[in-house]
Amino acid sequence: MRTIGWLMLTLAFLAASVLLVAWPDLKELMHARIWNVSRSDDNETNLNGVRIFIDEGRAMILPAMDDRALIYLRLGLQGEPSVLESWMACDIGLTDGNGHTWRPLINQAGLEIIDMLGADSDVDDNCDQSLLFATSADAPSLSVQAFLVPVGALNDLRLQFAAMTTRPDAVSIPFRPVLRPPA
């Protein structure tokens, strides 16, 4: 019986020491993830005083990949430049009703999609760059992103947006890209 008591005491001290050592990492994990998503049914919303909206969205289904859609998204952020700079980094994803998330393509394929579906006047700034180049609170800072999603998700997409310093809070707005035929 005495051995069981020592064993229980050892396990209690082990659990306490593991919790004590892991507490800073657990706190960081809690703040690094998105836990509170505010869903809006409007085309725009606010996050910490910054207006977030979808300026334009297009999609294309290529005949060679008829189960996938290429998506072009021009995102607008409008707010005080100092607030946008303090956000440091964007966390963007397209989500569907089933909980799937698609992240922007940040490679050469993403740039090709932007060139193919975007406007000629578009700059190739991604969201992180647009945070740094915000000029005034009156003019929106625009960025472009490219995605590759299943065709079946096109009618159920939402843009989920957070920034490094707004986590664990995020916003979600509906996204309905305009379907274009292949060129």
Protein backbone atom coordinates (compact mmCIF):
# COMPACT_ATOMS: atom_id res chain seq x y z
CA MET A 1 0.00 0.00 0.00
CA ARG A 2 2.88 2.30 0.80
CA THR A 3 4.34 1.76 -2.69
CA ILE A 4 1.07 2.81 -4.31
CA GLY A 5 1.08 6.01 -2.27
CA TRP A 6 4.62 6.87 -3.40
CA LEU A 7 3.67 6.04 -6.98
CA MET A 8 0.63 8.35 -6.82
CA LEU A 9 2.72 11.14 -5.30
CA THR A 10 5.35 10.71 -8.03
CA LEU A 11 2.70 10.87 -10.74
CA ALA A 12 1.19 14.02 -9.21
CA PHE A 13 4.59 15.75 -9.11
CA LEU A 14 5.33 14.59 -12.67
CA ALA A 15 2.03 16.02 -13.92
CA ALA A 16 2.64 19.31 -12.09
CA SER A 17 6.17 19.66 -13.48
CA VAL A 18 5.04 18.86 -17.04
CA LEU A 19 2.26 21.45 -16.76
CA LEU A 20 4.67 24.02 -15.32
CA VAL A 21 7.18 23.49 -18.13
CA ALA A 22 4.55 23.32 -20.88
CA TRP A 23 2.43 26.30 -19.73
CA PRO A 24 4.25 28.95 -21.87
CA ASP A 25 3.93 26.72 -24.93
CA LEU A 26 0.25 26.09 -24.24
CA LYS A 27 -0.38 29.83 -23.89
CA GLU A 28 1.41 30.47 -27.19
CA LEU A 29 -0.65 27.76 -28.88
CA MET A 30 -3.87 29.31 -27.58
CA HIS A 31 -2.94 32.70 -29.07
CA ALA A 32 -1.48 31.36 -32.32
CA ARG A 33 -4.65 29.58 -33.39
CA ILE A 34 -7.95 30.99 -34.56
CA TRP A 35 -10.60 30.19 -31.97
CA ASN A 36 -13.23 32.94 -32.36
CA VAL A 37 -14.56 33.34 -35.91
CA SER A 38 -17.19 36.04 -36.38
CA ARG A 39 -19.36 35.10 -39.35
CA SER A 40 -20.95 37.85 -41.40
CA ASP A 41 -23.49 37.48 -44.18
CA ASP A 42 -22.50 40.84 -45.68
CA ASN A 43 -19.80 41.31 -48.32
CA GLU A 44 -17.67 43.20 -45.84
CA THR A 45 -16.96 43.24 -42.13
CA ASN A 46 -14.70 44.86 -39.55
CA LEU A 47 -11.90 43.36 -37.53
CA ASN A 48 -10.33 45.56 -34.84
CA GLY A 49 -11.43 48.74 -36.62
CA VAL A 50 -10.27 47.69 -40.10
CA ARG A 51 -12.79 47.22 -42.91
CA ILE A 52 -12.26 43.91 -44.72
CA PHE A 53 -13.98 43.32 -48.04
CA ILE A 54 -13.72 41.31 -51.24
CA ASP A 55 -13.09 43.73 -54.09
CA GLU A 56 -13.30 41.11 -56.82
CA GLY A 57 -13.39 37.35 -57.24
CA ARG A 58 -13.16 35.18 -60.33
CA ALA A 59 -13.01 31.45 -60.94
CA MET A 60 -12.13 29.29 -63.91
CA ILE A 61 -12.53 25.57 -64.47
CA LEU A 62 -9.95 24.22 -66.90
CA PRO A 63 -11.02 21.36 -69.20
CA ALA A 64 -7.93 19.35 -68.23
CA MET A 65 -8.83 19.63 -64.52
CA ASP A 66 -12.62 19.66 -64.51
CA ASP A 67 -12.80 18.71 -60.82
CA ARG A 68 -10.74 21.75 -59.70
CA ALA A 69 -11.32 25.48 -59.97
CA LEU A 70 -8.69 28.20 -60.18
CA ILE A 71 -9.70 31.18 -58.06
CA TYR A 72 -8.55 34.79 -58.15
CA LEU A 73 -9.36 36.95 -55.13
CA ARG A 74 -8.69 40.67 -54.72
CA LEU A 75 -8.97 41.53 -51.04
CA GLY A 76 -9.38 45.03 -49.67
CA LEU A 77 -8.33 46.26 -46.24
CA GLN A 78 -9.17 49.78 -45.19
CA GLY A 79 -8.06 51.32 -41.93
CA GLU A 80 -5.36 53.34 -40.24
CA PRO A 81 -1.96 52.50 -41.76
CA SER A 82 -0.42 52.15 -38.29
CA VAL A 83 -3.03 49.53 -37.35
CA LEU A 84 -2.46 47.60 -40.59
CA GLU A 85 1.32 47.65 -40.07
CA SER A 86 0.89 46.37 -36.52
CA TRP A 87 -0.94 43.30 -37.82
CA MET A 88 2.39 42.06 -39.30
CA ALA A 89 1.01 39.09 -41.24
CA CYS A 90 -2.27 37.90 -42.77
CA ASP A 91 -3.88 34.54 -42.22
CA ILE A 92 -6.19 34.00 -45.20
CA GLY A 93 -8.12 30.92 -46.15
CA LEU A 94 -11.16 29.89 -48.14
CA THR A 95 -13.44 27.60 -46.16
CA ASP A 96 -16.53 25.59 -46.99
CA GLY A 97 -19.44 24.32 -44.92
CA ASN A 98 -17.69 20.99 -44.33
CA GLY A 99 -14.77 22.57 -42.48
CA HIS A 100 -12.22 22.33 -45.29
CA THR A 101 -9.74 25.19 -45.63
CA TRP A 102 -7.70 26.15 -48.68
CA ARG A 103 -4.69 28.45 -48.37
CA PRO A 104 -3.42 30.84 -51.07
CA LEU A 105 -0.93 29.56 -53.60
CA ILE A 106 2.29 31.47 -52.99
CA ASN A 107 4.36 29.93 -55.77
CA GLN A 108 4.77 30.51 -59.50
CA ALA A 109 1.46 28.76 -60.20
CA GLY A 110 -0.29 31.33 -58.00
CA LEU A 111 1.29 34.19 -59.94
CA GLU A 112 0.20 32.57 -63.23
CA ILE A 113 -3.39 32.30 -61.97
CA ILE A 114 -3.32 35.97 -60.93
CA ASP A 115 -2.01 36.96 -64.36
CA MET A 116 -4.61 34.82 -66.13
CA LEU A 117 -7.70 35.84 -64.12
CA GLY A 118 -6.71 39.22 -62.71
CA ALA A 119 -6.99 42.69 -64.15
CA ASP A 120 -4.10 44.19 -66.08
CA SER A 121 -3.82 46.97 -63.50
CA ASP A 122 -3.34 44.52 -60.60
CA VAL A 123 -0.16 44.60 -58.62
CA ASP A 124 1.22 41.29 -57.44
CA ASP A 125 1.15 42.31 -53.77
CA ASN A 126 -0.02 39.61 -51.43
CA CYS A 127 -1.83 40.44 -48.23
CA ASP A 128 1.30 40.71 -46.08
CA GLN A 129 2.81 43.23 -48.50
CA SER A 130 -0.41 45.25 -48.65
CA LEU A 131 -0.27 45.75 -44.88
CA LEU A 132 3.07 47.50 -45.25
CA PHE A 133 2.09 49.66 -48.24
CA ALA A 134 -1.12 51.14 -46.81
CA THR A 135 -1.06 54.87 -47.55
CA SER A 136 -4.08 56.37 -45.80
CA ALA A 137 -7.20 55.41 -43.88
CA ASP A 138 -9.36 56.69 -46.78
CA ALA A 139 -7.87 54.48 -49.51
CA PRO A 140 -8.14 50.70 -49.29
CA SER A 141 -5.04 48.58 -49.51
CA LEU A 142 -5.64 45.88 -52.14
CA SER A 143 -3.93 42.52 -52.44
CA VAL A 144 -4.38 39.56 -54.75
CA GLN A 145 -4.41 35.87 -53.94
CA ALA A 146 -4.82 32.69 -55.98
CA PHE A 147 -6.41 29.45 -54.82
CA LEU A 148 -7.06 25.96 -56.18
CA VAL A 149 -10.28 24.44 -54.80
CA PRO A 150 -12.64 21.59 -55.73
CA VAL A 151 -15.43 22.62 -58.11
CA GLY A 152 -18.06 21.34 -55.70
CA ALA A 153 -17.04 23.94 -53.11
CA LEU A 154 -17.54 26.98 -55.39
CA ASN A 155 -21.08 27.70 -54.19
CA ASP A 156 -20.25 27.34 -50.50
CA LEU A 157 -17.04 29.34 -50.06
CA ARG A 158 -16.29 31.84 -47.31
CA LEU A 159 -13.21 33.99 -46.85
CA GLN A 160 -11.73 33.61 -43.40
CA PHE A 161 -9.32 36.36 -42.38
CA ALA A 162 -7.16 36.98 -39.34
CA ALA A 163 -3.87 38.69 -38.69
CA MET A 164 -1.01 37.65 -36.48
CA THR A 165 -1.95 40.18 -33.80
CA THR A 166 -5.74 39.71 -34.04
CA ARG A 167 -5.65 36.03 -33.19
CA PRO A 168 -7.50 34.23 -31.68
CA ASP A 169 -10.16 36.43 -33.36
CA ALA A 170 -11.00 36.14 -37.07
CA VAL A 171 -13.78 37.11 -39.45
CA SER A 172 -15.56 35.13 -42.15
CA ILE A 173 -17.48 36.59 -45.10
CA PRO A 174 -19.23 34.87 -48.02
CA PHE A 175 -17.28 34.61 -51.27
CA ARG A 176 -19.00 33.94 -54.59
CA PRO A 177 -16.49 34.19 -57.45
CA VAL A 178 -17.69 34.96 -60.96
CA LEU A 179 -17.13 31.93 -63.20
CA ARG A 180 -15.20 32.68 -66.39
CA PRO A 181 -14.75 30.34 -69.35
CA PRO A 182 -11.20 29.20 -70.16
CA ALA A 183 -9.38 31.51 -72.56
